[in-house]
Amino acid sequence: MHNSDWFGGWDRILDSIIAAVFFYILIVLIVRLLGKRTTAQLNNFDWIINITVGSLAASGILLENVSNAIAFAAIATIAVLQYGLTFITARSVNATKVIKACPTLLVHKGNFLEEAMLDARISRGEVEAALRAQGLSDVGDANWVILETNGKITVLPREDIALDEASAMNSVRKPPNLPHPSA
């Protein structure tokens, strides 16, 4: 390894510092323009967009063969597409169904929904951990357990209400034949 390979030269270091400041300001502006959604609990789609923007910024900062203008254009394009997509999905249930995953019911009235858990690659142990985190000691104490679009597991304690009467459960994917509630 040559000294120049490791050090890179003062010009390259100064270019990287200037690019880092430039992209830092750009990312701060994008976060402010796109709103709280960019830093809230992310669903898979939002997470991928954030990783993409970070990767593009790193390319612009560190790679000599990627100009800052090209990296800026790519980041700005991703930001515009993300804004447009969230604008559409906030106003269209059909667009949301096509683009985003829907929450998945994992437990119904104390019964594990094994097929849904397999499809979501969620183990009983993960569901049980979520139950314990909510202070529940038995799956029978849960009305419903839902895998949310951001990967979080939500536990709703047992109560005497039917699934079709719970409006917050309308967007949750449910199997066609739900088991009868356990005692």
N, C-alpha and C. Protein backbone atom coordinates (compact mmCIF):
# COMPACT_ATOMS: atom_id res chain seq x y z
N MET A 1 0.86 -1.17 0.00
CA MET A 1 0.00 0.00 0.00
C MET A 1 0.90 1.23 0.00
N HIS A 2 0.66 2.10 -0.93
CA HIS A 2 1.40 3.36 -1.01
C HIS A 2 0.80 4.37 -0.03
N ASN A 3 1.63 5.30 0.40
CA ASN A 3 1.16 6.35 1.30
C ASN A 3 0.02 7.13 0.66
N SER A 4 0.11 7.38 -0.66
CA SER A 4 -0.95 8.13 -1.34
C SER A 4 -2.27 7.34 -1.40
N ASP A 5 -2.19 5.99 -1.45
CA ASP A 5 -3.40 5.18 -1.44
C ASP A 5 -4.13 5.30 -0.11
N TRP A 6 -3.38 5.36 0.97
CA TRP A 6 -3.99 5.45 2.30
C TRP A 6 -4.43 6.87 2.60
N PHE A 7 -3.59 7.82 2.31
CA PHE A 7 -3.86 9.21 2.67
C PHE A 7 -4.81 9.87 1.68
N GLY A 8 -4.61 9.68 0.41
CA GLY A 8 -5.50 10.23 -0.60
C GLY A 8 -5.21 11.66 -0.99
N GLY A 9 -4.48 12.36 -0.20
CA GLY A 9 -4.13 13.74 -0.52
C GLY A 9 -5.09 14.73 0.11
N TRP A 10 -4.55 15.91 0.40
CA TRP A 10 -5.35 16.96 1.05
C TRP A 10 -6.52 17.43 0.20
N ASP A 11 -6.33 17.46 -1.11
CA ASP A 11 -7.43 17.88 -2.00
C ASP A 11 -8.63 16.94 -1.87
N ARG A 12 -8.34 15.65 -1.85
CA ARG A 12 -9.43 14.67 -1.74
C ARG A 12 -10.12 14.76 -0.37
N ILE A 13 -9.32 14.96 0.68
CA ILE A 13 -9.89 15.10 2.02
C ILE A 13 -10.78 16.34 2.08
N LEU A 14 -10.30 17.46 1.54
CA LEU A 14 -11.11 18.69 1.54
C LEU A 14 -12.38 18.51 0.72
N ASP A 15 -12.27 17.84 -0.43
CA ASP A 15 -13.46 17.56 -1.24
C ASP A 15 -14.48 16.72 -0.46
N SER A 16 -14.00 15.72 0.28
CA SER A 16 -14.90 14.87 1.07
C SER A 16 -15.57 15.66 2.18
N ILE A 17 -14.84 16.55 2.83
CA ILE A 17 -15.41 17.38 3.90
C ILE A 17 -16.49 18.30 3.34
N ILE A 18 -16.20 18.95 2.23
CA ILE A 18 -17.18 19.85 1.61
C ILE A 18 -18.42 19.07 1.17
N ALA A 19 -18.21 17.91 0.55
CA ALA A 19 -19.34 17.08 0.10
C ALA A 19 -20.16 16.59 1.30
N ALA A 20 -19.49 16.22 2.39
CA ALA A 20 -20.21 15.75 3.58
C ALA A 20 -21.10 16.86 4.13
N VAL A 21 -20.59 18.07 4.20
CA VAL A 21 -21.38 19.21 4.68
C VAL A 21 -22.57 19.44 3.74
N PHE A 22 -22.31 19.43 2.46
CA PHE A 22 -23.34 19.64 1.45
C PHE A 22 -24.45 18.59 1.58
N PHE A 23 -24.09 17.31 1.65
CA PHE A 23 -25.09 16.26 1.73
C PHE A 23 -25.78 16.23 3.08
N TYR A 24 -25.09 16.60 4.13
CA TYR A 24 -25.73 16.71 5.45
C TYR A 24 -26.86 17.74 5.39
N ILE A 25 -26.56 18.90 4.83
CA ILE A 25 -27.57 19.96 4.70
C ILE A 25 -28.72 19.48 3.81
N LEU A 26 -28.40 18.81 2.72
CA LEU A 26 -29.42 18.29 1.81
C LEU A 26 -30.34 17.30 2.54
N ILE A 27 -29.78 16.38 3.30
CA ILE A 27 -30.59 15.38 3.99
C ILE A 27 -31.44 16.03 5.07
N VAL A 28 -30.89 17.00 5.79
CA VAL A 28 -31.69 17.73 6.79
C VAL A 28 -32.87 18.42 6.11
N LEU A 29 -32.63 19.05 4.96
CA LEU A 29 -33.72 19.71 4.22
C LEU A 29 -34.77 18.70 3.75
N ILE A 30 -34.33 17.56 3.27
CA ILE A 30 -35.28 16.54 2.81
C ILE A 30 -36.13 16.05 3.97
N VAL A 31 -35.50 15.79 5.12
CA VAL A 31 -36.26 15.33 6.28
C VAL A 31 -37.28 16.38 6.69
N ARG A 32 -36.89 17.64 6.67
CA ARG A 32 -37.83 18.71 7.03
C ARG A 32 -38.96 18.82 6.00
N LEU A 33 -38.65 18.69 4.73
CA LEU A 33 -39.68 18.82 3.69
C LEU A 33 -40.62 17.62 3.65
N LEU A 34 -40.09 16.42 3.85
CA LEU A 34 -40.93 15.23 3.79
C LEU A 34 -41.68 14.98 5.09
N GLY A 35 -41.29 15.63 6.15
CA GLY A 35 -42.04 15.55 7.39
C GLY A 35 -41.58 14.47 8.33
N LYS A 36 -42.35 14.30 9.37
CA LYS A 36 -42.01 13.39 10.46
C LYS A 36 -41.93 11.94 10.02
N ARG A 37 -42.61 11.62 8.95
CA ARG A 37 -42.66 10.25 8.46
C ARG A 37 -41.26 9.68 8.20
N THR A 38 -40.31 10.53 7.78
CA THR A 38 -38.99 10.03 7.43
C THR A 38 -38.20 9.54 8.63
N THR A 39 -38.57 9.95 9.83
CA THR A 39 -37.83 9.52 11.02
C THR A 39 -38.71 8.81 12.03
N ALA A 40 -39.98 8.64 11.75
CA ALA A 40 -40.87 7.92 12.66
C ALA A 40 -40.57 6.43 12.56
N GLN A 41 -41.33 5.62 13.28
CA GLN A 41 -41.14 4.18 13.14
C GLN A 41 -41.42 3.83 11.69
N LEU A 42 -40.44 3.25 11.05
CA LEU A 42 -40.49 3.05 9.62
C LEU A 42 -41.09 1.70 9.25
N ASN A 43 -41.90 1.70 8.18
CA ASN A 43 -42.27 0.42 7.60
C ASN A 43 -41.15 0.01 6.66
N ASN A 44 -41.23 -1.17 6.08
CA ASN A 44 -40.14 -1.66 5.22
C ASN A 44 -39.85 -0.71 4.06
N PHE A 45 -40.89 -0.18 3.47
CA PHE A 45 -40.71 0.70 2.32
C PHE A 45 -39.96 1.97 2.71
N ASP A 46 -40.36 2.62 3.80
CA ASP A 46 -39.68 3.84 4.25
C ASP A 46 -38.23 3.55 4.63
N TRP A 47 -37.99 2.41 5.25
CA TRP A 47 -36.64 2.04 5.66
C TRP A 47 -35.75 1.91 4.43
N ILE A 48 -36.23 1.26 3.39
CA ILE A 48 -35.45 1.08 2.16
C ILE A 48 -35.14 2.44 1.53
N ILE A 49 -36.09 3.35 1.52
CA ILE A 49 -35.86 4.68 0.96
C ILE A 49 -34.76 5.40 1.75
N ASN A 50 -34.81 5.33 3.07
CA ASN A 50 -33.79 5.99 3.89
C ASN A 50 -32.40 5.39 3.65
N ILE A 51 -32.33 4.08 3.53
CA ILE A 51 -31.05 3.42 3.25
C ILE A 51 -30.54 3.85 1.87
N THR A 52 -31.43 3.94 0.90
CA THR A 52 -31.05 4.36 -0.44
C THR A 52 -30.48 5.77 -0.44
N VAL A 53 -31.14 6.68 0.25
CA VAL A 53 -30.65 8.07 0.32
C VAL A 53 -29.28 8.11 1.00
N GLY A 54 -29.12 7.35 2.07
CA GLY A 54 -27.83 7.31 2.75
C GLY A 54 -26.73 6.76 1.86
N SER A 55 -27.05 5.74 1.11
CA SER A 55 -26.07 5.14 0.20
C SER A 55 -25.69 6.12 -0.92
N LEU A 56 -26.67 6.81 -1.46
CA LEU A 56 -26.39 7.80 -2.51
C LEU A 56 -25.53 8.94 -1.97
N ALA A 57 -25.84 9.40 -0.76
CA ALA A 57 -25.03 10.48 -0.15
C ALA A 57 -23.60 10.00 0.06
N ALA A 58 -23.43 8.78 0.56
CA ALA A 58 -22.08 8.24 0.78
C ALA A 58 -21.33 8.13 -0.55
N SER A 59 -22.03 7.74 -1.60
CA SER A 59 -21.38 7.66 -2.91
C SER A 59 -20.89 9.02 -3.36
N GLY A 60 -21.73 10.03 -3.18
CA GLY A 60 -21.34 11.39 -3.57
C GLY A 60 -20.18 11.92 -2.75
N ILE A 61 -20.13 11.53 -1.48
CA ILE A 61 -19.08 12.02 -0.59
C ILE A 61 -17.75 11.30 -0.85
N LEU A 62 -17.78 9.99 -1.00
CA LEU A 62 -16.55 9.20 -0.99
C LEU A 62 -16.05 8.73 -2.34
N LEU A 63 -16.93 8.52 -3.30
CA LEU A 63 -16.50 7.95 -4.58
C LEU A 63 -16.09 9.04 -5.55
N GLU A 64 -14.87 8.94 -6.04
CA GLU A 64 -14.37 9.95 -6.98
C GLU A 64 -15.09 9.91 -8.31
N ASN A 65 -15.58 8.74 -8.71
CA ASN A 65 -16.23 8.62 -10.02
C ASN A 65 -17.72 8.95 -9.98
N VAL A 66 -18.24 9.36 -8.81
CA VAL A 66 -19.63 9.81 -8.71
C VAL A 66 -19.60 11.28 -8.33
N SER A 67 -20.04 12.12 -9.25
CA SER A 67 -20.01 13.56 -8.97
C SER A 67 -21.07 13.92 -7.93
N ASN A 68 -20.81 15.00 -7.24
CA ASN A 68 -21.79 15.49 -6.26
C ASN A 68 -23.11 15.83 -6.93
N ALA A 69 -23.05 16.37 -8.14
CA ALA A 69 -24.27 16.74 -8.86
C ALA A 69 -25.10 15.51 -9.19
N ILE A 70 -24.45 14.43 -9.59
CA ILE A 70 -25.18 13.19 -9.90
C ILE A 70 -25.81 12.62 -8.63
N ALA A 71 -25.07 12.59 -7.54
CA ALA A 71 -25.61 12.08 -6.27
C ALA A 71 -26.77 12.96 -5.80
N PHE A 72 -26.61 14.28 -5.92
CA PHE A 72 -27.67 15.21 -5.55
C PHE A 72 -28.92 14.95 -6.38
N ALA A 73 -28.76 14.80 -7.70
CA ALA A 73 -29.90 14.56 -8.59
C ALA A 73 -30.61 13.26 -8.22
N ALA A 74 -29.83 12.22 -7.91
CA ALA A 74 -30.43 10.94 -7.54
C ALA A 74 -31.20 11.06 -6.22
N ILE A 75 -30.63 11.74 -5.23
CA ILE A 75 -31.30 11.92 -3.94
C ILE A 75 -32.55 12.76 -4.11
N ALA A 76 -32.46 13.83 -4.87
CA ALA A 76 -33.63 14.69 -5.10
C ALA A 76 -34.73 13.90 -5.81
N THR A 77 -34.37 13.05 -6.76
CA THR A 77 -35.35 12.22 -7.47
C THR A 77 -36.04 11.26 -6.51
N ILE A 78 -35.26 10.60 -5.67
CA ILE A 78 -35.84 9.68 -4.67
C ILE A 78 -36.78 10.45 -3.74
N ALA A 79 -36.37 11.63 -3.30
CA ALA A 79 -37.20 12.44 -2.39
C ALA A 79 -38.52 12.82 -3.06
N VAL A 80 -38.47 13.24 -4.31
CA VAL A 80 -39.69 13.62 -5.03
C VAL A 80 -40.59 12.40 -5.21
N LEU A 81 -40.01 11.27 -5.58
CA LEU A 81 -40.81 10.05 -5.74
C LEU A 81 -41.44 9.63 -4.41
N GLN A 82 -40.66 9.70 -3.31
CA GLN A 82 -41.19 9.34 -2.00
C GLN A 82 -42.33 10.27 -1.59
N TYR A 83 -42.15 11.57 -1.83
CA TYR A 83 -43.21 12.52 -1.50
C TYR A 83 -44.46 12.23 -2.32
N GLY A 84 -44.28 12.00 -3.60
CA GLY A 84 -45.42 11.70 -4.47
C GLY A 84 -46.14 10.43 -4.07
N LEU A 85 -45.38 9.40 -3.75
CA LEU A 85 -45.98 8.14 -3.35
C LEU A 85 -46.74 8.26 -2.04
N THR A 86 -46.17 8.95 -1.05
CA THR A 86 -46.87 9.11 0.22
C THR A 86 -48.08 10.02 0.06
N PHE A 87 -48.00 10.99 -0.85
CA PHE A 87 -49.14 11.86 -1.15
C PHE A 87 -50.30 11.02 -1.69
N ILE A 88 -49.99 10.13 -2.62
CA ILE A 88 -51.01 9.28 -3.23
C ILE A 88 -51.57 8.28 -2.22
N THR A 89 -50.69 7.61 -1.47
CA THR A 89 -51.17 6.58 -0.55
C THR A 89 -51.96 7.18 0.62
N ALA A 90 -51.69 8.43 0.97
CA ALA A 90 -52.46 9.06 2.04
C ALA A 90 -53.88 9.39 1.59
N ARG A 91 -54.10 9.40 0.28
CA ARG A 91 -55.40 9.78 -0.25
C ARG A 91 -56.15 8.65 -0.95
N SER A 92 -55.49 7.50 -1.11
CA SER A 92 -56.11 6.41 -1.85
C SER A 92 -55.91 5.08 -1.13
N VAL A 93 -57.00 4.50 -0.69
CA VAL A 93 -56.95 3.19 -0.03
C VAL A 93 -56.44 2.14 -1.00
N ASN A 94 -56.87 2.20 -2.26
CA ASN A 94 -56.45 1.23 -3.26
C ASN A 94 -54.95 1.31 -3.52
N ALA A 95 -54.41 2.52 -3.61
CA ALA A 95 -52.97 2.68 -3.82
C ALA A 95 -52.21 2.13 -2.62
N THR A 96 -52.71 2.38 -1.44
CA THR A 96 -52.07 1.87 -0.23
C THR A 96 -52.04 0.35 -0.24
N LYS A 97 -53.13 -0.28 -0.65
CA LYS A 97 -53.19 -1.74 -0.71
C LYS A 97 -52.16 -2.32 -1.68
N VAL A 98 -51.95 -1.61 -2.81
CA VAL A 98 -51.01 -2.09 -3.82
C VAL A 98 -49.57 -1.90 -3.36
N ILE A 99 -49.27 -0.78 -2.73
CA ILE A 99 -47.89 -0.39 -2.45
C ILE A 99 -47.38 -0.88 -1.10
N LYS A 100 -48.22 -0.83 -0.09
CA LYS A 100 -47.75 -1.15 1.25
C LYS A 100 -48.32 -2.47 1.74
N ALA A 101 -47.53 -3.10 2.60
CA ALA A 101 -48.01 -4.31 3.25
C ALA A 101 -49.11 -3.93 4.24
N CYS A 102 -49.99 -4.86 4.52
CA CYS A 102 -51.01 -4.58 5.52
C CYS A 102 -50.66 -5.34 6.79
N PRO A 103 -51.16 -4.86 7.92
CA PRO A 103 -50.91 -5.58 9.18
C PRO A 103 -51.49 -6.99 9.09
N THR A 104 -50.90 -7.91 9.85
CA THR A 104 -51.31 -9.31 9.82
C THR A 104 -51.73 -9.78 11.20
N LEU A 105 -52.90 -10.41 11.27
CA LEU A 105 -53.40 -10.96 12.51
C LEU A 105 -52.65 -12.26 12.82
N LEU A 106 -52.04 -12.32 14.02
CA LEU A 106 -51.26 -13.50 14.43
C LEU A 106 -51.97 -14.33 15.50
N VAL A 107 -52.78 -13.66 16.33
CA VAL A 107 -53.54 -14.33 17.38
C VAL A 107 -54.95 -13.77 17.34
N HIS A 108 -55.93 -14.67 17.43
CA HIS A 108 -57.34 -14.27 17.47
C HIS A 108 -57.99 -14.90 18.69
N LYS A 109 -58.44 -14.03 19.62
CA LYS A 109 -59.17 -14.50 20.80
C LYS A 109 -58.46 -15.65 21.50
N GLY A 110 -57.15 -15.50 21.70
CA GLY A 110 -56.38 -16.49 22.43
C GLY A 110 -55.86 -17.66 21.61
N ASN A 111 -56.10 -17.66 20.30
CA ASN A 111 -55.66 -18.75 19.44
C ASN A 111 -54.54 -18.27 18.51
N PHE A 112 -53.41 -18.99 18.53
CA PHE A 112 -52.34 -18.69 17.58
C PHE A 112 -52.84 -19.02 16.18
N LEU A 113 -52.57 -18.15 15.23
CA LEU A 113 -52.91 -18.40 13.83
C LEU A 113 -51.64 -18.86 13.15
N GLU A 114 -51.40 -20.17 13.22
CA GLU A 114 -50.13 -20.77 12.82
C GLU A 114 -49.75 -20.44 11.38
N GLU A 115 -50.70 -20.53 10.46
CA GLU A 115 -50.38 -20.26 9.05
C GLU A 115 -49.97 -18.81 8.85
N ALA A 116 -50.67 -17.88 9.48
CA ALA A 116 -50.31 -16.46 9.37
C ALA A 116 -48.93 -16.22 9.98
N MET A 117 -48.64 -16.90 11.09
CA MET A 117 -47.33 -16.75 11.72
C MET A 117 -46.23 -17.30 10.82
N LEU A 118 -46.47 -18.43 10.18
CA LEU A 118 -45.49 -19.00 9.25
C LEU A 118 -45.26 -18.06 8.07
N ASP A 119 -46.35 -17.55 7.50
CA ASP A 119 -46.23 -16.63 6.36
C ASP A 119 -45.43 -15.37 6.73
N ALA A 120 -45.62 -14.89 7.97
CA ALA A 120 -44.93 -13.68 8.42
C ALA A 120 -43.56 -14.00 9.01
N ARG A 121 -43.22 -15.29 9.14
CA ARG A 121 -41.96 -15.73 9.73
C ARG A 121 -41.81 -15.21 11.16
N ILE A 122 -42.90 -15.34 11.92
CA ILE A 122 -42.93 -14.94 13.33
C ILE A 122 -43.12 -16.20 14.16
N SER A 123 -42.29 -16.37 15.18
CA SER A 123 -42.38 -17.57 16.02
C SER A 123 -43.32 -17.34 17.20
N ARG A 124 -43.73 -18.43 17.80
CA ARG A 124 -44.54 -18.34 19.02
C ARG A 124 -43.77 -17.56 20.09
N GLY A 125 -42.49 -17.79 20.16
CA GLY A 125 -41.67 -17.11 21.15
C GLY A 125 -41.71 -15.59 21.00
N GLU A 126 -41.72 -15.12 19.76
CA GLU A 126 -41.80 -13.68 19.53
C GLU A 126 -43.15 -13.12 19.96
N VAL A 127 -44.21 -13.87 19.67
CA VAL A 127 -45.55 -13.45 20.10
C VAL A 127 -45.64 -13.47 21.62
N GLU A 128 -45.12 -14.52 22.22
CA GLU A 128 -45.14 -14.61 23.69
C GLU A 128 -44.35 -13.48 24.34
N ALA A 129 -43.24 -13.09 23.73
CA ALA A 129 -42.46 -11.96 24.25
C ALA A 129 -43.28 -10.67 24.19
N ALA A 130 -44.03 -10.49 23.11
CA ALA A 130 -44.89 -9.31 22.98
C ALA A 130 -45.99 -9.33 24.03
N LEU A 131 -46.53 -10.51 24.29
CA LEU A 131 -47.56 -10.65 25.34
C LEU A 131 -46.99 -10.25 26.69
N ARG A 132 -45.81 -10.79 27.02
CA ARG A 132 -45.18 -10.47 28.30
C ARG A 132 -44.88 -8.98 28.41
N ALA A 133 -44.44 -8.36 27.30
CA ALA A 133 -44.13 -6.92 27.31
C ALA A 133 -45.38 -6.09 27.65
N GLN A 134 -46.56 -6.65 27.37
CA GLN A 134 -47.81 -5.96 27.69
C GLN A 134 -48.39 -6.40 29.03
N GLY A 135 -47.63 -7.20 29.77
CA GLY A 135 -48.07 -7.65 31.08
C GLY A 135 -49.04 -8.81 31.05
N LEU A 136 -49.13 -9.49 29.92
CA LEU A 136 -50.03 -10.64 29.81
C LEU A 136 -49.23 -11.93 29.99
N SER A 137 -49.78 -12.86 30.76
CA SER A 137 -49.05 -14.08 31.05
C SER A 137 -49.52 -15.27 30.23
N ASP A 138 -50.60 -15.12 29.49
CA ASP A 138 -51.15 -16.23 28.73
C ASP A 138 -51.72 -15.72 27.42
N VAL A 139 -51.59 -16.49 26.36
CA VAL A 139 -52.12 -16.08 25.06
C VAL A 139 -53.63 -15.89 25.12
N GLY A 140 -54.29 -16.62 26.03
CA GLY A 140 -55.74 -16.49 26.20
C GLY A 140 -56.15 -15.12 26.71
N ASP A 141 -55.18 -14.35 27.23
CA ASP A 141 -55.47 -13.00 27.72
C ASP A 141 -55.47 -11.97 26.59
N ALA A 142 -55.14 -12.42 25.37
CA ALA A 142 -55.08 -11.51 24.23
C ALA A 142 -56.31 -11.66 23.35
N ASN A 143 -56.91 -10.53 23.04
CA ASN A 143 -58.00 -10.53 22.06
C ASN A 143 -57.39 -10.77 20.69
N TRP A 144 -56.39 -9.92 20.37
CA TRP A 144 -55.71 -10.02 19.09
C TRP A 144 -54.25 -9.64 19.27
N VAL A 145 -53.40 -10.26 18.45
CA VAL A 145 -52.00 -9.89 18.32
C VAL A 145 -51.78 -9.63 16.84
N ILE A 146 -51.23 -8.46 16.53
CA ILE A 146 -51.09 -8.04 15.14
C ILE A 146 -49.64 -7.71 14.84
N LEU A 147 -49.14 -8.20 13.70
CA LEU A 147 -47.84 -7.78 13.19
C LEU A 147 -48.09 -6.55 12.34
N GLU A 148 -47.58 -5.40 12.80
CA GLU A 148 -47.81 -4.13 12.10
C GLU A 148 -46.88 -4.01 10.89
N THR A 149 -47.14 -3.04 10.03
CA THR A 149 -46.35 -2.86 8.81
C THR A 149 -44.91 -2.46 9.10
N ASN A 150 -44.63 -1.91 10.28
CA ASN A 150 -43.26 -1.52 10.63
C ASN A 150 -42.52 -2.63 11.37
N GLY A 151 -43.14 -3.83 11.49
CA GLY A 151 -42.51 -4.96 12.15
C GLY A 151 -42.81 -5.06 13.64
N LYS A 152 -43.45 -4.06 14.19
CA LYS A 152 -43.80 -4.08 15.61
C LYS A 152 -44.98 -5.03 15.81
N ILE A 153 -45.00 -5.69 16.98
CA ILE A 153 -46.12 -6.57 17.31
C ILE A 153 -46.99 -5.84 18.32
N THR A 154 -48.27 -5.67 17.97
CA THR A 154 -49.24 -5.01 18.84
C THR A 154 -50.11 -6.06 19.50
N VAL A 155 -50.32 -5.90 20.80
CA VAL A 155 -51.17 -6.82 21.56
C VAL A 155 -52.37 -6.04 22.08
N LEU A 156 -53.55 -6.54 21.76
CA LEU A 156 -54.78 -5.95 22.28
C LEU A 156 -55.36 -6.92 23.31
N PRO A 157 -55.49 -6.49 24.57
CA PRO A 157 -55.97 -7.38 25.64
C PRO A 157 -57.39 -7.89 25.36
N ARG A 158 -57.70 -9.00 25.98
CA ARG A 158 -58.98 -9.68 25.79
C ARG A 158 -60.14 -8.79 26.23
N GLU A 159 -61.14 -8.72 25.39
CA GLU A 159 -62.40 -8.04 25.71
C GLU A 159 -63.49 -8.70 24.88
N ASP A 160 -64.70 -8.43 25.25
CA ASP A 160 -65.84 -9.06 24.58
C ASP A 160 -66.29 -8.19 23.41
N ILE A 161 -65.55 -8.29 22.31
CA ILE A 161 -65.91 -7.55 21.10
C ILE A 161 -65.55 -8.44 19.90
N ALA A 162 -66.40 -8.42 18.91
CA ALA A 162 -66.16 -9.21 17.71
C ALA A 162 -65.19 -8.47 16.79
N LEU A 163 -64.47 -9.24 16.02
CA LEU A 163 -63.48 -8.68 15.11
C LEU A 163 -64.11 -7.68 14.13
N ASP A 164 -65.27 -8.00 13.62
CA ASP A 164 -65.91 -7.11 12.65
C ASP A 164 -66.50 -5.85 13.30
N GLU A 165 -66.55 -5.80 14.62
CA GLU A 165 -67.03 -4.61 15.33
C GLU A 165 -65.89 -3.66 15.70
N ALA A 166 -64.66 -4.10 15.55
CA ALA A 166 -63.49 -3.30 15.92
C ALA A 166 -62.98 -2.55 14.69
N SER A 167 -63.29 -1.28 14.59
CA SER A 167 -62.93 -0.52 13.39
C SER A 167 -61.42 -0.42 13.18
N ALA A 168 -60.64 -0.45 14.24
CA ALA A 168 -59.19 -0.39 14.10
C ALA A 168 -58.61 -1.65 13.47
N MET A 169 -59.43 -2.68 13.33
CA MET A 169 -58.98 -3.95 12.77
C MET A 169 -59.36 -4.10 11.29
N ASN A 170 -60.00 -3.08 10.71
CA ASN A 170 -60.46 -3.17 9.32
C ASN A 170 -59.34 -3.42 8.32
N SER A 171 -58.17 -2.82 8.54
CA SER A 171 -57.08 -2.95 7.56
C SER A 171 -56.18 -4.15 7.83
N VAL A 172 -56.47 -4.92 8.86
CA VAL A 172 -55.64 -6.06 9.23
C VAL A 172 -56.01 -7.27 8.38
N ARG A 173 -54.98 -7.93 7.84
CA ARG A 173 -55.20 -9.15 7.04
C ARG A 173 -55.56 -10.28 7.99
N LYS A 174 -56.69 -10.94 7.69
CA LYS A 174 -57.21 -12.00 8.54
C LYS A 174 -57.42 -13.26 7.71
N PRO A 175 -57.19 -14.42 8.29
CA PRO A 175 -57.49 -15.64 7.54
C PRO A 175 -59.00 -15.79 7.36
N PRO A 176 -59.42 -16.47 6.31
CA PRO A 176 -60.86 -16.58 6.04
C PRO A 176 -61.63 -17.35 7.11
N ASN A 177 -61.03 -18.36 7.70
CA ASN A 177 -61.72 -19.18 8.71
C ASN A 177 -61.03 -19.01 10.04
N LEU A 178 -61.48 -18.07 10.82
CA LEU A 178 -60.88 -17.84 12.14
C LEU A 178 -61.36 -18.91 13.12
N PRO A 179 -60.47 -19.35 14.01
CA PRO A 179 -60.89 -20.35 15.00
C PRO A 179 -61.87 -19.74 15.99
N HIS A 180 -62.63 -20.60 16.61
CA HIS A 180 -63.56 -20.15 17.67
C HIS A 180 -62.74 -19.69 18.87
N PRO A 181 -63.20 -18.67 19.55
CA PRO A 181 -62.46 -18.17 20.69
C PRO A 181 -62.25 -19.25 21.74
N SER A 182 -61.02 -19.25 22.33
CA SER A 182 -60.78 -20.19 23.43
C SER A 182 -61.40 -19.65 24.69
N ALA A 183 -61.68 -20.52 25.61
CA ALA A 183 -62.35 -20.11 26.86
C ALA A 183 -61.43 -19.31 27.74
